[in-house]
Amino acid sequence: MFAWMAWTAPVAIFFTCIGLMLAGMTIWQIRSPSIERRGFLPMSTTRGDRLFIGLLTAAYVNLAWAGLSELHQGIGAAIGFVVLLIVMRWG
C-alpha cells in the first residue's frame, strides 16, 4: 500500500509519535478543556497552540542542526525535543 513511499524505521517512528501526540492532545482537550494563558510567547495560547508552535520550532532546530553541523543528527533531534518541551511548559 505504501510501497511508493520511502518508509524507514525512523520515519515511521517519527510520524507515529506525532500521531500519538495529536491523539493524546485531543483526548486531553475533551476531558479537560484548556484555557488560554500567557507565557514567554508574545500571544495568549492554548495547549494545542503551544504543541503546534513547539513542533514547528523543533523542526526548524532540527533542520538548522542538519545544515550547520557535522555532528550526529540525534543530537539535533534531542535539542529539538527539549525546545518542544520548553514551549509546551512555559510558552
N, C-alpha and C. Protein backbone atom coordinates (compact mmCIF):
# COMPACT_ATOMS: atom_id res chain seq x y z
N MET A 1 0.82 -1.20 0.00
CA MET A 1 0.00 0.00 0.00
C MET A 1 0.87 1.27 0.00
N PHE A 2 1.89 1.30 0.87
CA PHE A 2 2.77 2.47 0.94
C PHE A 2 4.11 2.21 0.25
N ALA A 3 4.14 1.33 -0.71
CA ALA A 3 5.39 0.97 -1.38
C ALA A 3 6.00 2.16 -2.12
N TRP A 4 5.19 3.13 -2.50
CA TRP A 4 5.70 4.28 -3.23
C TRP A 4 6.45 5.26 -2.33
N MET A 5 6.33 5.10 -1.01
CA MET A 5 7.00 6.00 -0.08
C MET A 5 8.28 5.35 0.45
N ALA A 6 9.22 6.16 0.82
CA ALA A 6 10.49 5.67 1.37
C ALA A 6 10.37 5.57 2.88
N TRP A 7 9.58 4.61 3.37
CA TRP A 7 9.39 4.44 4.79
C TRP A 7 10.58 3.71 5.39
N THR A 8 11.25 4.38 6.29
CA THR A 8 12.29 3.75 7.07
C THR A 8 11.80 3.70 8.51
N ALA A 9 12.47 2.95 9.33
CA ALA A 9 12.05 2.85 10.73
C ALA A 9 12.02 4.22 11.43
N PRO A 10 13.06 5.07 11.29
CA PRO A 10 12.99 6.38 11.96
C PRO A 10 11.83 7.25 11.47
N VAL A 11 11.54 7.20 10.17
CA VAL A 11 10.42 7.99 9.64
C VAL A 11 9.10 7.47 10.19
N ALA A 12 8.93 6.16 10.22
CA ALA A 12 7.70 5.57 10.75
C ALA A 12 7.54 5.90 12.24
N ILE A 13 8.63 5.83 12.99
CA ILE A 13 8.56 6.17 14.42
C ILE A 13 8.20 7.64 14.60
N PHE A 14 8.80 8.51 13.81
CA PHE A 14 8.53 9.94 13.90
C PHE A 14 7.04 10.23 13.68
N PHE A 15 6.48 9.73 12.58
CA PHE A 15 5.08 10.02 12.29
C PHE A 15 4.13 9.31 13.25
N THR A 16 4.52 8.17 13.78
CA THR A 16 3.71 7.50 14.80
C THR A 16 3.68 8.36 16.07
N CYS A 17 4.82 8.90 16.45
CA CYS A 17 4.87 9.77 17.64
C CYS A 17 4.03 11.02 17.46
N ILE A 18 4.09 11.63 16.28
CA ILE A 18 3.27 12.82 16.01
C ILE A 18 1.80 12.46 16.11
N GLY A 19 1.40 11.34 15.51
CA GLY A 19 0.01 10.90 15.57
C GLY A 19 -0.45 10.63 16.99
N LEU A 20 0.42 9.99 17.78
CA LEU A 20 0.08 9.71 19.18
C LEU A 20 -0.03 11.00 20.00
N MET A 21 0.84 11.97 19.72
CA MET A 21 0.74 13.26 20.41
C MET A 21 -0.58 13.95 20.10
N LEU A 22 -0.96 13.95 18.81
CA LEU A 22 -2.22 14.59 18.42
C LEU A 22 -3.42 13.87 19.04
N ALA A 23 -3.39 12.55 19.05
CA ALA A 23 -4.49 11.79 19.67
C ALA A 23 -4.55 12.07 21.17
N GLY A 24 -3.39 12.08 21.81
CA GLY A 24 -3.35 12.37 23.24
C GLY A 24 -3.84 13.77 23.58
N MET A 25 -3.44 14.74 22.77
CA MET A 25 -3.90 16.12 23.00
C MET A 25 -5.41 16.23 22.79
N THR A 26 -5.94 15.50 21.81
CA THR A 26 -7.39 15.53 21.56
C THR A 26 -8.14 14.97 22.76
N ILE A 27 -7.69 13.83 23.27
CA ILE A 27 -8.34 13.23 24.44
C ILE A 27 -8.22 14.15 25.65
N TRP A 28 -7.04 14.74 25.85
CA TRP A 28 -6.83 15.66 26.97
C TRP A 28 -7.75 16.87 26.85
N GLN A 29 -7.91 17.41 25.64
CA GLN A 29 -8.76 18.57 25.42
C GLN A 29 -10.23 18.24 25.70
N ILE A 30 -10.66 17.03 25.32
CA ILE A 30 -12.04 16.63 25.57
C ILE A 30 -12.29 16.46 27.06
N ARG A 31 -11.35 15.83 27.76
CA ARG A 31 -11.52 15.58 29.19
C ARG A 31 -11.31 16.82 30.05
N SER A 32 -10.42 17.70 29.63
CA SER A 32 -10.11 18.90 30.40
C SER A 32 -9.83 20.06 29.44
N PRO A 33 -10.88 20.80 29.04
CA PRO A 33 -10.67 21.90 28.08
C PRO A 33 -9.63 22.90 28.58
N SER A 34 -8.77 23.33 27.67
CA SER A 34 -7.70 24.25 28.06
C SER A 34 -8.19 25.69 28.08
N ILE A 35 -7.46 26.49 28.82
CA ILE A 35 -7.74 27.91 28.94
C ILE A 35 -6.55 28.65 28.35
N GLU A 36 -6.82 29.71 27.59
CA GLU A 36 -5.71 30.49 27.04
C GLU A 36 -4.92 31.12 28.17
N ARG A 37 -3.60 31.12 28.01
CA ARG A 37 -2.73 31.75 29.00
C ARG A 37 -1.54 32.39 28.31
N ARG A 38 -0.86 33.25 29.04
CA ARG A 38 0.32 33.93 28.52
C ARG A 38 1.56 33.34 29.16
N GLY A 39 2.55 33.05 28.32
CA GLY A 39 3.86 32.62 28.80
C GLY A 39 4.89 33.54 28.19
N PHE A 40 6.02 32.98 27.76
CA PHE A 40 7.03 33.83 27.13
C PHE A 40 6.72 34.11 25.67
N LEU A 41 5.75 33.39 25.08
CA LEU A 41 5.35 33.69 23.70
C LEU A 41 4.57 35.01 23.68
N PRO A 42 4.65 35.76 22.58
CA PRO A 42 4.04 37.09 22.56
C PRO A 42 2.53 37.08 22.33
N MET A 43 1.85 35.99 22.68
CA MET A 43 0.40 35.92 22.50
C MET A 43 -0.17 34.92 23.49
N SER A 44 -1.47 34.99 23.70
CA SER A 44 -2.13 34.00 24.53
C SER A 44 -2.29 32.72 23.72
N THR A 45 -2.02 31.58 24.37
CA THR A 45 -2.05 30.31 23.66
C THR A 45 -2.77 29.24 24.49
N THR A 46 -3.28 28.23 23.79
CA THR A 46 -3.83 27.05 24.43
C THR A 46 -2.79 25.94 24.32
N ARG A 47 -3.08 24.78 24.91
CA ARG A 47 -2.15 23.65 24.81
C ARG A 47 -1.91 23.26 23.36
N GLY A 48 -2.97 23.23 22.56
CA GLY A 48 -2.83 22.86 21.15
C GLY A 48 -1.98 23.86 20.38
N ASP A 49 -2.15 25.15 20.68
CA ASP A 49 -1.33 26.19 20.03
C ASP A 49 0.14 25.97 20.36
N ARG A 50 0.41 25.71 21.63
CA ARG A 50 1.81 25.51 22.04
C ARG A 50 2.40 24.24 21.44
N LEU A 51 1.59 23.19 21.29
CA LEU A 51 2.08 21.99 20.62
C LEU A 51 2.46 22.29 19.18
N PHE A 52 1.60 22.99 18.47
CA PHE A 52 1.87 23.34 17.08
C PHE A 52 3.12 24.20 16.95
N ILE A 53 3.21 25.23 17.77
CA ILE A 53 4.38 26.13 17.74
C ILE A 53 5.64 25.36 18.13
N GLY A 54 5.53 24.51 19.14
CA GLY A 54 6.68 23.71 19.57
C GLY A 54 7.15 22.73 18.50
N LEU A 55 6.21 22.08 17.79
CA LEU A 55 6.59 21.16 16.72
C LEU A 55 7.29 21.91 15.58
N LEU A 56 6.76 23.07 15.21
CA LEU A 56 7.41 23.87 14.17
C LEU A 56 8.81 24.30 14.59
N THR A 57 8.93 24.76 15.82
CA THR A 57 10.23 25.21 16.32
C THR A 57 11.22 24.05 16.36
N ALA A 58 10.77 22.88 16.83
CA ALA A 58 11.64 21.71 16.87
C ALA A 58 12.08 21.31 15.46
N ALA A 59 11.18 21.42 14.50
CA ALA A 59 11.55 21.10 13.11
C ALA A 59 12.62 22.05 12.60
N TYR A 60 12.47 23.34 12.88
CA TYR A 60 13.47 24.32 12.43
C TYR A 60 14.81 24.10 13.12
N VAL A 61 14.78 23.78 14.41
CA VAL A 61 16.03 23.50 15.13
C VAL A 61 16.72 22.28 14.50
N ASN A 62 15.94 21.26 14.20
CA ASN A 62 16.49 20.04 13.61
C ASN A 62 17.07 20.31 12.22
N LEU A 63 16.36 21.10 11.42
CA LEU A 63 16.87 21.45 10.09
C LEU A 63 18.15 22.29 10.19
N ALA A 64 18.17 23.23 11.12
CA ALA A 64 19.37 24.06 11.29
C ALA A 64 20.54 23.18 11.73
N TRP A 65 20.29 22.24 12.62
CA TRP A 65 21.34 21.33 13.06
C TRP A 65 21.88 20.53 11.88
N ALA A 66 20.98 20.01 11.05
CA ALA A 66 21.40 19.21 9.90
C ALA A 66 22.20 20.03 8.90
N GLY A 67 21.83 21.30 8.73
CA GLY A 67 22.51 22.15 7.76
C GLY A 67 23.80 22.77 8.25
N LEU A 68 23.92 22.97 9.55
CA LEU A 68 25.06 23.72 10.08
C LEU A 68 26.06 22.89 10.87
N SER A 69 25.73 21.62 11.12
CA SER A 69 26.59 20.81 11.96
C SER A 69 26.92 19.49 11.27
N GLU A 70 28.11 18.99 11.56
CA GLU A 70 28.52 17.68 11.06
C GLU A 70 28.31 16.60 12.11
N LEU A 71 27.82 16.98 13.28
CA LEU A 71 27.62 16.03 14.36
C LEU A 71 26.39 15.17 14.11
N HIS A 72 26.22 14.13 14.90
CA HIS A 72 25.13 13.17 14.72
C HIS A 72 23.76 13.87 14.78
N GLN A 73 22.86 13.47 13.92
CA GLN A 73 21.54 14.09 13.83
C GLN A 73 20.70 13.84 15.08
N GLY A 74 20.99 12.78 15.81
CA GLY A 74 20.26 12.50 17.04
C GLY A 74 20.41 13.61 18.07
N ILE A 75 21.56 14.27 18.07
CA ILE A 75 21.77 15.39 18.99
C ILE A 75 20.83 16.53 18.64
N GLY A 76 20.71 16.83 17.36
CA GLY A 76 19.79 17.88 16.91
C GLY A 76 18.34 17.54 17.24
N ALA A 77 17.98 16.27 17.08
CA ALA A 77 16.63 15.83 17.42
C ALA A 77 16.38 15.98 18.92
N ALA A 78 17.37 15.65 19.73
CA ALA A 78 17.23 15.78 21.18
C ALA A 78 17.07 17.25 21.58
N ILE A 79 17.84 18.13 20.97
CA ILE A 79 17.71 19.56 21.24
C ILE A 79 16.33 20.05 20.83
N GLY A 80 15.86 19.62 19.66
CA GLY A 80 14.52 19.99 19.21
C GLY A 80 13.44 19.51 20.17
N PHE A 81 13.61 18.30 20.72
CA PHE A 81 12.65 17.76 21.67
C PHE A 81 12.64 18.59 22.95
N VAL A 82 13.80 19.00 23.42
CA VAL A 82 13.88 19.85 24.61
C VAL A 82 13.20 21.19 24.36
N VAL A 83 13.43 21.75 23.17
CA VAL A 83 12.76 23.02 22.81
C VAL A 83 11.25 22.83 22.82
N LEU A 84 10.76 21.71 22.27
CA LEU A 84 9.33 21.42 22.28
C LEU A 84 8.81 21.37 23.71
N LEU A 85 9.52 20.70 24.59
CA LEU A 85 9.09 20.62 25.99
C LEU A 85 9.05 22.00 26.65
N ILE A 86 10.04 22.84 26.36
CA ILE A 86 10.09 24.19 26.94
C ILE A 86 8.89 25.01 26.47
N VAL A 87 8.58 24.95 25.18
CA VAL A 87 7.45 25.70 24.64
C VAL A 87 6.14 25.19 25.25
N MET A 88 6.01 23.87 25.38
CA MET A 88 4.78 23.31 25.95
C MET A 88 4.62 23.72 27.42
N ARG A 89 5.70 23.78 28.16
CA ARG A 89 5.60 24.06 29.60
C ARG A 89 5.49 25.56 29.90
N TRP A 90 6.35 26.35 29.29
CA TRP A 90 6.42 27.78 29.66
C TRP A 90 6.02 28.74 28.55
N GLY A 91 5.67 28.24 27.37
CA GLY A 91 5.35 29.10 26.21
C GLY A 91 4.10 29.77 26.27
